[in-house]
């Protein structure tokens, strides 16, 4: 069976992952500004960066969950391709005719259970 691969532009497919990286960088800069160089630290004027940094980490976590859900959606689409009900179906082989098993014929009564004529 030939599977068709669904092509989606790379930016659209990994947009949430790019946002994860941006939010993580922002969160690290706000929570731990000591790791930044002195020039960049002068431009960062946030009185309480801890709470805002935690909020940035939450946004990063949210975008990571969105990216994961999108990836699993595309993976499931590739695995379970839709079948067009109007398309021509290929019939592989017709099942072989087998003789019915008389033991599994429940329409006829067994001879032991058959009604017996009254002897008079």
PDB file of N, CA and C in Angstrom:
ATOM      1  N   UNK A   1       0.846  -1.175   0.000  1.00  0.00           N
ATOM      2  CA  UNK A   1       0.000   0.000   0.000  1.00  0.00           C
ATOM      3  C   UNK A   1       0.894   1.242   0.000  1.00  0.00           C
ATOM      4  N   UNK A   2       0.623   2.156  -0.862  1.00  0.00           N
ATOM      5  CA  UNK A   2       1.407   3.375  -0.956  1.00  0.00           C
ATOM      6  C   UNK A   2       0.779   4.405  -0.026  1.00  0.00           C
ATOM      7  N   UNK A   3       1.617   4.941   0.854  1.00  0.00           N
ATOM      8  CA  UNK A   3       1.119   5.964   1.775  1.00  0.00           C
ATOM      9  C   UNK A   3       1.522   7.340   1.265  1.00  0.00           C
ATOM     10  N   UNK A   4       0.603   8.249   1.279  1.00  0.00           N
ATOM     11  CA  UNK A   4       0.893   9.605   0.865  1.00  0.00           C
ATOM     12  C   UNK A   4       1.343  10.388   2.085  1.00  0.00           C
ATOM     13  N   UNK A   5       2.455  11.063   1.964  1.00  0.00           N
ATOM     14  CA  UNK A   5       2.974  11.854   3.065  1.00  0.00           C
ATOM     15  C   UNK A   5       2.366  13.251   2.988  1.00  0.00           C
ATOM     16  N   UNK A   6       1.854  13.704   4.101  1.00  0.00           N
ATOM     17  CA  UNK A   6       1.246  15.029   4.151  1.00  0.00           C
ATOM     18  C   UNK A   6       2.359  16.041   4.405  1.00  0.00           C
ATOM     19  N   UNK A   7       2.560  16.934   3.461  1.00  0.00           N
ATOM     20  CA  UNK A   7       3.604  17.934   3.583  1.00  0.00           C
ATOM     21  C   UNK A   7       3.018  19.217   4.160  1.00  0.00           C
ATOM     22  N   UNK A   8       3.612  19.685   5.235  1.00  0.00           N
ATOM     23  CA  UNK A   8       3.191  20.921   5.870  1.00  0.00           C
ATOM     24  C   UNK A   8       4.427  21.809   5.932  1.00  0.00           C
ATOM     25  N   UNK A   9       4.298  23.090   5.666  1.00  0.00           N
ATOM     26  CA  UNK A   9       5.475  23.957   5.757  1.00  0.00           C
ATOM     27  C   UNK A   9       6.150  23.842   7.129  1.00  0.00           C
ATOM     28  N   UNK A  10       7.486  23.860   7.101  1.00  0.00           N
ATOM     29  CA  UNK A  10       8.246  23.615   8.321  1.00  0.00           C
ATOM     30  C   UNK A  10       7.984  24.690   9.379  1.00  0.00           C
ATOM     31  N   UNK A  11       7.865  25.941   8.966  1.00  0.00           N
ATOM     32  CA  UNK A  11       7.625  26.999   9.946  1.00  0.00           C
ATOM     33  C   UNK A  11       6.293  26.786  10.664  1.00  0.00           C
ATOM     34  N   UNK A  12       5.272  26.408   9.913  1.00  0.00           N
ATOM     35  CA  UNK A  12       3.958  26.181  10.530  1.00  0.00           C
ATOM     36  C   UNK A  12       3.993  24.996  11.483  1.00  0.00           C
ATOM     37  N   UNK A  13       4.769  23.977  11.104  1.00  0.00           N
ATOM     38  CA  UNK A  13       4.820  22.762  11.918  1.00  0.00           C
ATOM     39  C   UNK A  13       5.616  22.961  13.200  1.00  0.00           C
ATOM     40  N   UNK A  14       6.622  23.842  13.162  1.00  0.00           N
ATOM     41  CA  UNK A  14       7.491  24.022  14.327  1.00  0.00           C
ATOM     42  C   UNK A  14       7.385  25.422  14.936  1.00  0.00           C
ATOM     43  N   UNK A  15       6.316  26.123  14.643  1.00  0.00           N
ATOM     44  CA  UNK A  15       6.133  27.478  15.167  1.00  0.00           C
ATOM     45  C   UNK A  15       6.076  27.486  16.694  1.00  0.00           C
ATOM     46  N   UNK A  16       5.364  26.547  17.264  1.00  0.00           N
ATOM     47  CA  UNK A  16       5.249  26.502  18.722  1.00  0.00           C
ATOM     48  C   UNK A  16       6.585  26.177  19.373  1.00  0.00           C
ATOM     49  N   UNK A  17       7.414  25.389  18.700  1.00  0.00           N
ATOM     50  CA  UNK A  17       8.726  25.063  19.243  1.00  0.00           C
ATOM     51  C   UNK A  17       9.629  26.296  19.237  1.00  0.00           C
ATOM     52  N   UNK A  18       9.487  27.144  18.227  1.00  0.00           N
ATOM     53  CA  UNK A  18      10.248  28.398  18.184  1.00  0.00           C
ATOM     54  C   UNK A  18       9.797  29.302  19.331  1.00  0.00           C
ATOM     55  N   UNK A  19       8.483  29.341  19.583  1.00  0.00           N
ATOM     56  CA  UNK A  19       7.982  30.137  20.711  1.00  0.00           C
ATOM     57  C   UNK A  19       8.473  29.596  22.049  1.00  0.00           C
ATOM     58  N   UNK A  20       8.620  28.278  22.162  1.00  0.00           N
ATOM     59  CA  UNK A  20       9.161  27.682  23.395  1.00  0.00           C
ATOM     60  C   UNK A  20      10.554  28.227  23.649  1.00  0.00           C
ATOM     61  N   UNK A  21      11.384  28.255  22.613  1.00  0.00           N
ATOM     62  CA  UNK A  21      12.757  28.755  22.774  1.00  0.00           C
ATOM     63  C   UNK A  21      12.766  30.227  23.175  1.00  0.00           C
ATOM     64  N   UNK A  22      11.897  31.019  22.552  1.00  0.00           N
ATOM     65  CA  UNK A  22      11.846  32.455  22.882  1.00  0.00           C
ATOM     66  C   UNK A  22      11.416  32.657  24.329  1.00  0.00           C
ATOM     67  N   UNK A  23      10.352  31.953  24.762  1.00  0.00           N
ATOM     68  CA  UNK A  23       9.868  32.110  26.129  1.00  0.00           C
ATOM     69  C   UNK A  23      10.885  31.590  27.150  1.00  0.00           C
ATOM     70  N   UNK A  24      11.604  30.518  26.805  1.00  0.00           N
ATOM     71  CA  UNK A  24      12.621  30.018  27.731  1.00  0.00           C
ATOM     72  C   UNK A  24      13.758  31.020  27.903  1.00  0.00           C
ATOM     73  N   UNK A  25      14.199  31.627  26.817  1.00  0.00           N
ATOM     74  CA  UNK A  25      15.261  32.637  26.910  1.00  0.00           C
ATOM     75  C   UNK A  25      14.784  33.823  27.731  1.00  0.00           C
ATOM     76  N   UNK A  26      13.550  34.253  27.490  1.00  0.00           N
ATOM     77  CA  UNK A  26      13.015  35.373  28.274  1.00  0.00           C
ATOM     78  C   UNK A  26      12.906  35.013  29.752  1.00  0.00           C
ATOM     79  N   UNK A  27      12.434  33.801  30.038  1.00  0.00           N
ATOM     80  CA  UNK A  27      12.302  33.386  31.435  1.00  0.00           C
ATOM     81  C   UNK A  27      13.639  33.308  32.145  1.00  0.00           C
ATOM     82  N   UNK A  28      14.639  32.770  31.480  1.00  0.00           N
ATOM     83  CA  UNK A  28      15.974  32.687  32.096  1.00  0.00           C
ATOM     84  C   UNK A  28      16.534  34.083  32.322  1.00  0.00           C
ATOM     85  N   UNK A  29      16.347  34.971  31.362  1.00  0.00           N
ATOM     86  CA  UNK A  29      16.842  36.344  31.527  1.00  0.00           C
ATOM     87  C   UNK A  29      16.148  37.072  32.668  1.00  0.00           C
ATOM     88  N   UNK A  30      14.879  36.772  32.893  1.00  0.00           N
ATOM     89  CA  UNK A  30      14.141  37.468  33.957  1.00  0.00           C
ATOM     90  C   UNK A  30      14.376  36.841  35.323  1.00  0.00           C
ATOM     91  N   UNK A  31      14.524  35.528  35.373  1.00  0.00           N
ATOM     92  CA  UNK A  31      14.713  34.862  36.670  1.00  0.00           C
ATOM     93  C   UNK A  31      16.156  34.986  37.148  1.00  0.00           C
ATOM     94  N   UNK A  32      17.103  34.826  36.234  1.00  0.00           N
ATOM     95  CA  UNK A  32      18.519  34.873  36.610  1.00  0.00           C
ATOM     96  C   UNK A  32      19.248  35.887  35.739  1.00  0.00           C
ATOM     97  N   UNK A  33      19.082  37.193  36.021  1.00  0.00           N
ATOM     98  CA  UNK A  33      19.748  38.200  35.181  1.00  0.00           C
ATOM     99  C   UNK A  33      21.261  38.262  35.412  1.00  0.00           C
ATOM    100  N   UNK A  34      21.757  37.577  36.431  1.00  0.00           N
ATOM    101  CA  UNK A  34      23.188  37.609  36.721  1.00  0.00           C
ATOM    102  C   UNK A  34      24.013  36.903  35.646  1.00  0.00           C
ATOM    103  N   UNK A  35      23.419  36.026  34.872  1.00  0.00           N
ATOM    104  CA  UNK A  35      24.172  35.310  33.846  1.00  0.00           C
ATOM    105  C   UNK A  35      24.332  36.138  32.579  1.00  0.00           C
ATOM    106  N   UNK A  36      23.620  37.257  32.491  1.00  0.00           N
ATOM    107  CA  UNK A  36      23.719  38.131  31.317  1.00  0.00           C
ATOM    108  C   UNK A  36      24.954  39.022  31.416  1.00  0.00           C
ATOM    109  N   UNK A  37      25.495  39.438  30.273  1.00  0.00           N
ATOM    110  CA  UNK A  37      26.591  40.418  30.311  1.00  0.00           C
ATOM    111  C   UNK A  37      26.103  41.767  30.863  1.00  0.00           C
ATOM    112  N   UNK A  38      27.040  42.574  31.317  1.00  0.00           N
ATOM    113  CA  UNK A  38      26.704  43.842  31.970  1.00  0.00           C
ATOM    114  C   UNK A  38      25.929  44.782  31.042  1.00  0.00           C
ATOM    115  N   UNK A  39      26.272  44.790  29.740  1.00  0.00           N
ATOM    116  CA  UNK A  39      25.577  45.676  28.801  1.00  0.00           C
ATOM    117  C   UNK A  39      24.101  45.310  28.675  1.00  0.00           C
ATOM    118  N   UNK A  40      23.813  44.011  28.579  1.00  0.00           N
ATOM    119  CA  UNK A  40      22.420  43.590  28.460  1.00  0.00           C
ATOM    120  C   UNK A  40      21.659  43.769  29.776  1.00  0.00           C
ATOM    121  N   UNK A  41      22.359  43.619  30.885  1.00  0.00           N
ATOM    122  CA  UNK A  41      21.701  43.756  32.182  1.00  0.00           C
ATOM    123  C   UNK A  41      21.234  45.194  32.420  1.00  0.00           C
ATOM    124  N   UNK A  42      21.930  46.164  31.825  1.00  0.00           N
ATOM    125  CA  UNK A  42      21.528  47.563  31.979  1.00  0.00           C
ATOM    126  C   UNK A  42      20.209  47.842  31.263  1.00  0.00           C
ATOM    127  N   UNK A  43      19.934  47.136  30.172  1.00  0.00           N
ATOM    128  CA  UNK A  43      18.696  47.337  29.426  1.00  0.00           C
ATOM    129  C   UNK A  43      17.516  46.610  30.055  1.00  0.00           C
ATOM    130  N   UNK A  44      17.780  45.705  30.947  1.00  0.00           N
ATOM    131  CA  UNK A  44      16.719  44.923  31.582  1.00  0.00           C
ATOM    132  C   UNK A  44      16.310  45.627  32.870  1.00  0.00           C
ATOM    133  N   UNK A  45      15.233  46.359  32.832  1.00  0.00           N
ATOM    134  CA  UNK A  45      14.763  47.126  33.988  1.00  0.00           C
ATOM    135  C   UNK A  45      13.439  46.560  34.458  1.00  0.00           C
ATOM    136  N   UNK A  46      13.481  45.460  35.189  1.00  0.00           N
ATOM    137  CA  UNK A  46      12.269  44.845  35.718  1.00  0.00           C
ATOM    138  C   UNK A  46      12.437  44.775  37.229  1.00  0.00           C
ATOM    139  N   UNK A  47      11.524  45.406  38.007  1.00  0.00           N
ATOM    140  CA  UNK A  47      11.693  45.399  39.464  1.00  0.00           C
ATOM    141  C   UNK A  47      11.587  43.993  40.066  1.00  0.00           C
ATOM    142  N   UNK A  48      10.601  43.216  39.630  1.00  0.00           N
ATOM    143  CA  UNK A  48      10.466  41.863  40.171  1.00  0.00           C
ATOM    144  C   UNK A  48      10.392  40.890  38.997  1.00  0.00           C
ATOM    145  N   UNK A  49      11.525  40.492  38.502  1.00  0.00           N
ATOM    146  CA  UNK A  49      11.579  39.631  37.338  1.00  0.00           C
ATOM    147  C   UNK A  49      11.230  38.191  37.649  1.00  0.00           C
ATOM    148  N   UNK A  50      11.230  37.826  38.928  1.00  0.00           N
ATOM    149  CA  UNK A  50      10.970  36.435  39.296  1.00  0.00           C
ATOM    150  C   UNK A  50       9.581  35.977  38.893  1.00  0.00           C
ATOM    151  N   UNK A  51       8.568  36.754  39.228  1.00  0.00           N
ATOM    152  CA  UNK A  51       7.197  36.368  38.911  1.00  0.00           C
ATOM    153  C   UNK A  51       6.937  36.419  37.402  1.00  0.00           C
ATOM    154  N   UNK A  52       7.461  37.437  36.752  1.00  0.00           N
ATOM    155  CA  UNK A  52       7.300  37.547  35.305  1.00  0.00           C
ATOM    156  C   UNK A  52       8.071  36.425  34.609  1.00  0.00           C
ATOM    157  N   UNK A  53       9.228  36.046  35.145  1.00  0.00           N
ATOM    158  CA  UNK A  53      10.010  34.939  34.591  1.00  0.00           C
ATOM    159  C   UNK A  53       9.285  33.613  34.714  1.00  0.00           C
ATOM    160  N   UNK A  54       8.614  33.394  35.842  1.00  0.00           N
ATOM    161  CA  UNK A  54       7.831  32.170  36.021  1.00  0.00           C
ATOM    162  C   UNK A  54       6.675  32.145  35.025  1.00  0.00           C
ATOM    163  N   UNK A  55       6.079  33.302  34.780  1.00  0.00           N
ATOM    164  CA  UNK A  55       5.015  33.384  33.780  1.00  0.00           C
ATOM    165  C   UNK A  55       5.555  33.044  32.380  1.00  0.00           C
ATOM    166  N   UNK A  56       6.769  33.486  32.085  1.00  0.00           N
ATOM    167  CA  UNK A  56       7.390  33.154  30.793  1.00  0.00           C
ATOM    168  C   UNK A  56       7.639  31.652  30.703  1.00  0.00           C
ATOM    169  N   UNK A  57       8.043  31.022  31.804  1.00  0.00           N
ATOM    170  CA  UNK A  57       8.234  29.565  31.803  1.00  0.00           C
ATOM    171  C   UNK A  57       6.906  28.837  31.585  1.00  0.00           C
ATOM    172  N   UNK A  58       5.819  29.371  32.148  1.00  0.00           N
ATOM    173  CA  UNK A  58       4.503  28.762  31.926  1.00  0.00           C
ATOM    174  C   UNK A  58       4.084  28.870  30.452  1.00  0.00           C
ATOM    175  N   UNK A  59       4.371  30.027  29.838  1.00  0.00           N
ATOM    176  CA  UNK A  59       4.077  30.160  28.405  1.00  0.00           C
ATOM    177  C   UNK A  59       4.918  29.180  27.583  1.00  0.00           C
ATOM    178  N   UNK A  60       6.164  28.976  27.989  1.00  0.00           N
ATOM    179  CA  UNK A  60       7.021  28.015  27.284  1.00  0.00           C
ATOM    180  C   UNK A  60       6.455  26.604  27.417  1.00  0.00           C
ATOM    181  N   UNK A  61       5.983  26.272  28.603  1.00  0.00           N
ATOM    182  CA  UNK A  61       5.392  24.948  28.826  1.00  0.00           C
ATOM    183  C   UNK A  61       4.118  24.781  27.999  1.00  0.00           C
ATOM    184  N   UNK A  62       3.311  25.818  27.929  1.00  0.00           N
ATOM    185  CA  UNK A  62       2.088  25.775  27.125  1.00  0.00           C
ATOM    186  C   UNK A  62       2.413  25.550  25.644  1.00  0.00           C
ATOM    187  N   UNK A  63       3.385  26.284  25.132  1.00  0.00           N
ATOM    188  CA  UNK A  63       3.752  26.133  23.715  1.00  0.00           C
ATOM    189  C   UNK A  63       4.399  24.780  23.448  1.00  0.00           C
ATOM    190  N   UNK A  64       5.105  24.222  24.415  1.00  0.00           N
ATOM    191  CA  UNK A  64       5.664  22.888  24.252  1.00  0.00           C
ATOM    192  C   UNK A  64       4.540  21.852  24.163  1.00  0.00           C
ATOM    193  N   UNK A  65       3.510  22.006  24.979  1.00  0.00           N
ATOM    194  CA  UNK A  65       2.356  21.096  24.906  1.00  0.00           C
ATOM    195  C   UNK A  65       1.636  21.242  23.562  1.00  0.00           C
ATOM    196  N   UNK A  66       1.506  22.470  23.060  1.00  0.00           N
ATOM    197  CA  UNK A  66       0.889  22.686  21.744  1.00  0.00           C
ATOM    198  C   UNK A  66       1.695  22.024  20.638  1.00  0.00           C
ATOM    199  N   UNK A  67       3.033  22.150  20.705  1.00  0.00           N
ATOM    200  CA  UNK A  67       3.880  21.536  19.691  1.00  0.00           C
ATOM    201  C   UNK A  67       3.760  20.016  19.740  1.00  0.00           C
ATOM    202  N   UNK A  68       3.753  19.470  20.953  1.00  0.00           N
ATOM    203  CA  UNK A  68       3.648  18.009  21.093  1.00  0.00           C
ATOM    204  C   UNK A  68       2.311  17.508  20.534  1.00  0.00           C
ATOM    205  N   UNK A  69       1.232  18.218  20.825  1.00  0.00           N
ATOM    206  CA  UNK A  69      -0.086  17.814  20.315  1.00  0.00           C
ATOM    207  C   UNK A  69      -0.133  17.905  18.794  1.00  0.00           C
ATOM    208  N   UNK A  70       0.465  18.929  18.229  1.00  0.00           N
ATOM    209  CA  UNK A  70       0.480  19.071  16.772  1.00  0.00           C
ATOM    210  C   UNK A  70       1.286  17.953  16.125  1.00  0.00           C
ATOM    211  N   UNK A  71       2.422  17.605  16.730  1.00  0.00           N
ATOM    212  CA  UNK A  71       3.242  16.528  16.179  1.00  0.00           C
ATOM    213  C   UNK A  71       2.495  15.201  16.208  1.00  0.00           C
ATOM    214  N   UNK A  72       1.811  14.922  17.308  1.00  0.00           N
ATOM    215  CA  UNK A  72       1.073  13.657  17.380  1.00  0.00           C
ATOM    216  C   UNK A  72      -0.112  13.658  16.421  1.00  0.00           C
ATOM    217  N   UNK A  73      -0.710  14.823  16.174  1.00  0.00           N
ATOM    218  CA  UNK A  73      -1.799  14.913  15.204  1.00  0.00           C
ATOM    219  C   UNK A  73      -1.298  14.574  13.806  1.00  0.00           C
ATOM    220  N   UNK A  74      -0.171  15.158  13.406  1.00  0.00           N
ATOM    221  CA  UNK A  74       0.375  14.868  12.080  1.00  0.00           C
ATOM    222  C   UNK A  74       0.828  13.412  11.984  1.00  0.00           C
ATOM    223  N   UNK A  75       1.374  12.859  13.067  1.00  0.00           N
ATOM    224  CA  UNK A  75       1.803  11.467  13.068  1.00  0.00           C
ATOM    225  C   UNK A  75       0.594  10.554  12.889  1.00  0.00           C
ATOM    226  N   UNK A  76      -0.513  10.854  13.565  1.00  0.00           N
ATOM    227  CA  UNK A  76      -1.718  10.035  13.434  1.00  0.00           C
ATOM    228  C   UNK A  76      -2.339  10.173  12.046  1.00  0.00           C
ATOM    229  N   UNK A  77      -2.267  11.352  11.453  1.00  0.00           N
ATOM    230  CA  UNK A  77      -2.800  11.533  10.102  1.00  0.00           C
ATOM    231  C   UNK A  77      -2.030  10.685   9.107  1.00  0.00           C
ATOM    232  N   UNK A  78      -0.715  10.582   9.306  1.00  0.00           N
ATOM    233  CA  UNK A  78       0.092   9.787   8.382  1.00  0.00           C
ATOM    234  C   UNK A  78      -0.188   8.305   8.562  1.00  0.00           C
ATOM    235  N   UNK A  79      -0.423   7.866   9.790  1.00  0.00           N
ATOM    236  CA  UNK A  79      -0.670   6.452  10.036  1.00  0.00           C
ATOM    237  C   UNK A  79      -2.054   6.032   9.533  1.00  0.00           C
ATOM    238  N   UNK A  80      -3.049   6.830   9.834  1.00  0.00           N
ATOM    239  CA  UNK A  80      -4.419   6.464   9.492  1.00  0.00           C
ATOM    240  C   UNK A  80      -4.918   7.384   8.388  1.00  0.00           C
ATOM    241  N   UNK A  81      -4.564   7.057   7.187  1.00  0.00           N
ATOM    242  CA  UNK A  81      -4.969   7.849   6.034  1.00  0.00           C
ATOM    243  C   UNK A  81      -6.455   7.632   5.786  1.00  0.00           C
ATOM    244  N   UNK A  82      -7.151   8.689   5.454  1.00  0.00           N
ATOM    245  CA  UNK A  82      -8.583   8.566   5.165  1.00  0.00           C
ATOM    246  C   UNK A  82      -8.804   7.741   3.908  1.00  0.00           C
ATOM    247  N   UNK A  83      -9.856   6.969   3.917  1.00  0.00           N
ATOM    248  CA  UNK A  83     -10.212   6.175   2.755  1.00  0.00           C
ATOM    249  C   UNK A  83     -11.403   6.838   2.091  1.00  0.00           C
ATOM    250  N   UNK A  84     -11.269   7.092   0.815  1.00  0.00           N
ATOM    251  CA  UNK A  84     -12.345   7.698   0.058  1.00  0.00           C
ATOM    252  C   UNK A  84     -13.401   6.634  -0.210  1.00  0.00           C
ATOM    253  N   UNK A  85     -14.641   6.805   0.267  1.00  0.00           N
ATOM    254  CA  UNK A  85     -15.656   5.776   0.057  1.00  0.00           C
ATOM    255  C   UNK A  85     -16.063   5.634  -1.406  1.00  0.00           C
ATOM    256  N   UNK A  86     -15.787   6.634  -2.238  1.00  0.00           N
ATOM    257  CA  UNK A  86     -16.166   6.562  -3.649  1.00  0.00           C
ATOM    258  C   UNK A  86     -15.042   6.031  -4.529  1.00  0.00           C
ATOM    259  N   UNK A  87     -13.879   5.777  -3.943  1.00  0.00           N
ATOM    260  CA  UNK A  87     -12.765   5.309  -4.762  1.00  0.00           C
ATOM    261  C   UNK A  87     -12.957   3.845  -5.146  1.00  0.00           C
ATOM    262  N   UNK A  88     -12.239   3.446  -6.176  1.00  0.00           N
ATOM    263  CA  UNK A  88     -12.318   2.068  -6.634  1.00  0.00           C
ATOM    264  C   UNK A  88     -11.570   1.195  -5.636  1.00  0.00           C
ATOM    265  N   UNK A  89     -12.231   0.149  -5.201  1.00  0.00           N
ATOM    266  CA  UNK A  89     -11.607  -0.739  -4.226  1.00  0.00           C
ATOM    267  C   UNK A  89     -10.984  -1.916  -4.938  1.00  0.00           C
ATOM    268  N   UNK A  90      -9.818  -2.307  -4.461  1.00  0.00           N
ATOM    269  CA  UNK A  90      -9.149  -3.463  -5.026  1.00  0.00           C
ATOM    270  C   UNK A  90      -9.568  -4.698  -4.252  1.00  0.00           C
ATOM    271  N   UNK A  91     -10.061  -5.677  -4.977  1.00  0.00           N
ATOM    272  CA  UNK A  91     -10.437  -6.936  -4.351  1.00  0.00           C
ATOM    273  C   UNK A  91      -9.270  -7.883  -4.540  1.00  0.00           C
ATOM    274  N   UNK A  92      -8.735  -8.370  -3.439  1.00  0.00           N
ATOM    275  CA  UNK A  92      -7.550  -9.214  -3.554  1.00  0.00           C
ATOM    276  C   UNK A  92      -7.925 -10.617  -4.021  1.00  0.00           C
ATOM    277  N   UNK A  93      -8.515 -11.407  -3.195  1.00  0.00           N
ATOM    278  CA  UNK A  93      -8.948 -12.745  -3.583  1.00  0.00           C
ATOM    279  C   UNK A  93     -10.267 -13.037  -2.891  1.00  0.00           C
ATOM    280  N   UNK A  94     -11.115 -13.690  -3.627  1.00  0.00           N
ATOM    281  CA  UNK A  94     -12.391 -14.080  -3.031  1.00  0.00           C
ATOM    282  C   UNK A  94     -12.125 -15.227  -2.055  1.00  0.00           C
ATOM    283  N   UNK A  95     -12.815 -15.262  -0.937  1.00  0.00           N
ATOM    284  CA  UNK A  95     -12.601 -16.366   0.000  1.00  0.00           C
ATOM    285  C   UNK A  95     -12.997 -17.694  -0.638  1.00  0.00           C
ATOM    286  N   UNK A  96     -12.261 -18.716  -0.315  1.00  0.00           N
ATOM    287  CA  UNK A  96     -12.535 -20.035  -0.888  1.00  0.00           C
ATOM    288  C   UNK A  96     -13.773 -20.624  -0.241  1.00  0.00           C
ATOM    289  N   UNK A  97     -14.585 -21.245  -1.079  1.00  0.00           N
ATOM    290  CA  UNK A  97     -15.797 -21.896  -0.585  1.00  0.00           C
ATOM    291  C   UNK A  97     -15.413 -23.169   0.162  1.00  0.00           C
ATOM    292  N   UNK A  98     -15.930 -23.312   1.341  1.00  0.00           N
ATOM    293  CA  UNK A  98     -15.677 -24.519   2.131  1.00  0.00           C
ATOM    294  C   UNK A  98     -17.004 -25.217   2.385  1.00  0.00           C
ATOM    295  N   UNK A  99     -16.957 -26.521   2.518  1.00  0.00           N
ATOM    296  CA  UNK A  99     -18.162 -27.276   2.845  1.00  0.00           C
ATOM    297  C   UNK A  99     -18.568 -26.939   4.268  1.00  0.00           C
ATOM    298  N   UNK A 100     -19.864 -26.739   4.488  1.00  0.00           N
ATOM    299  CA  UNK A 100     -20.295 -26.413   5.843  1.00  0.00           C
ATOM    300  C   UNK A 100     -20.073 -27.597   6.779  1.00  0.00           C
ATOM    301  N   UNK A 101     -19.754 -27.263   7.997  1.00  0.00           N
ATOM    302  CA  UNK A 101     -19.551 -28.281   9.014  1.00  0.00           C
ATOM    303  C   UNK A 101     -20.921 -28.733   9.518  1.00  0.00           C
ATOM    304  N   UNK A 102     -21.260 -30.025   9.415  1.00  0.00           N
ATOM    305  CA  UNK A 102     -22.585 -30.475   9.860  1.00  0.00           C
ATOM    306  C   UNK A 102     -22.760 -30.370  11.370  1.00  0.00           C
ATOM    307  N   UNK A 103     -21.683 -30.347  12.119  1.00  0.00           N
ATOM    308  CA  UNK A 103     -21.794 -30.213  13.577  1.00  0.00           C
ATOM    309  C   UNK A 103     -22.260 -28.822  13.980  1.00  0.00           C
ATOM    310  N   UNK A 104     -22.066 -27.849  13.129  1.00  0.00           N
ATOM    311  CA  UNK A 104     -22.442 -26.476  13.448  1.00  0.00           C
ATOM    312  C   UNK A 104     -23.747 -26.047  12.789  1.00  0.00           C
ATOM    313  N   UNK A 105     -24.501 -26.979  12.269  1.00  0.00           N
ATOM    314  CA  UNK A 105     -25.791 -26.679  11.657  1.00  0.00           C
ATOM    315  C   UNK A 105     -26.849 -26.753  12.756  1.00  0.00           C
ATOM    316  N   UNK A 106     -27.279 -25.610  13.235  1.00  0.00           N
ATOM    317  CA  UNK A 106     -28.216 -25.559  14.363  1.00  0.00           C
ATOM    318  C   UNK A 106     -29.668 -25.486  13.904  1.00  0.00           C
ATOM    319  N   UNK A 107     -29.902 -25.481  12.625  1.00  0.00           N
ATOM    320  CA  UNK A 107     -31.275 -25.429  12.132  1.00  0.00           C
ATOM    321  C   UNK A 107     -31.929 -26.799  12.261  1.00  0.00           C
ATOM    322  N   UNK A 108     -31.183 -27.819  11.907  1.00  0.00           N
ATOM    323  CA  UNK A 108     -31.721 -29.183  12.028  1.00  0.00           C
ATOM    324  C   UNK A 108     -31.538 -29.679  13.448  1.00  0.00           C
ATOM    325  N   UNK A 109     -32.555 -30.378  13.919  1.00  0.00           N
ATOM    326  CA  UNK A 109     -32.462 -30.975  15.249  1.00  0.00           C
ATOM    327  C   UNK A 109     -31.650 -32.265  15.176  1.00  0.00           C
ATOM    328  N   UNK A 110     -30.877 -32.521  16.196  1.00  0.00           N
ATOM    329  CA  UNK A 110     -30.175 -33.805  16.209  1.00  0.00           C
ATOM    330  C   UNK A 110     -31.191 -34.952  16.272  1.00  0.00           C
ATOM    331  N   UNK A 111     -30.789 -36.082  15.838  1.00  0.00           N
ATOM    332  CA  UNK A 111     -31.705 -37.221  15.796  1.00  0.00           C
ATOM    333  C   UNK A 111     -32.160 -37.634  17.184  1.00  0.00           C
ATOM    334  N   UNK A 112     -31.345 -37.420  18.182  1.00  0.00           N
ATOM    335  CA  UNK A 112     -31.734 -37.781  19.553  1.00  0.00           C
ATOM    336  C   UNK A 112     -32.827 -36.865  20.083  1.00  0.00           C
ATOM    337  N   UNK A 113     -32.821 -35.594  19.644  1.00  0.00           N
ATOM    338  CA  UNK A 113     -33.809 -34.626  20.135  1.00  0.00           C
ATOM    339  C   UNK A 113     -35.048 -34.554  19.257  1.00  0.00           C
ATOM    340  N   UNK A 114     -35.076 -35.239  18.183  1.00  0.00           N
ATOM    341  CA  UNK A 114     -36.242 -35.196  17.285  1.00  0.00           C
ATOM    342  C   UNK A 114     -37.464 -35.764  17.974  1.00  0.00           C
ATOM    343  N   UNK A 115     -38.658 -35.224  17.714  1.00  0.00           N
ATOM    344  CA  UNK A 115     -39.866 -35.773  18.349  1.00  0.00           C
ATOM    345  C   UNK A 115     -40.101 -37.195  17.858  1.00  0.00           C
ATOM    346  N   UNK A 116     -40.375 -38.053  18.821  1.00  0.00           N
ATOM    347  CA  UNK A 116     -40.591 -39.488  18.518  1.00  0.00           C
ATOM    348  C   UNK A 116     -42.084 -39.753  18.372  1.00  0.00           C
ATOM    349  N   UNK A 117     -42.431 -40.586  17.398  1.00  0.00           N
ATOM    350  CA  UNK A 117     -43.854 -40.918  17.234  1.00  0.00           C
ATOM    351  C   UNK A 117     -44.330 -41.761  18.404  1.00  0.00           C
ATOM    352  N   UNK A 118     -45.614 -41.575  18.762  1.00  0.00           N
ATOM    353  CA  UNK A 118     -46.198 -42.368  19.855  1.00  0.00           C
ATOM    354  C   UNK A 118     -46.413 -43.805  19.400  1.00  0.00           C
ATOM    355  N   UNK A 119     -45.873 -44.738  20.136  1.00  0.00           N
ATOM    356  CA  UNK A 119     -46.194 -46.141  19.797  1.00  0.00           C
ATOM    357  C   UNK A 119     -47.566 -46.503  20.348  1.00  0.00           C
ATOM    358  N   UNK A 120     -48.515 -46.876  19.535  1.00  0.00           N
ATOM    359  CA  UNK A 120     -49.861 -47.238  20.000  1.00  0.00           C
ATOM    360  C   UNK A 120     -50.191 -48.618  19.590  1.00  0.00           C
TER     361      UNK A 120
END
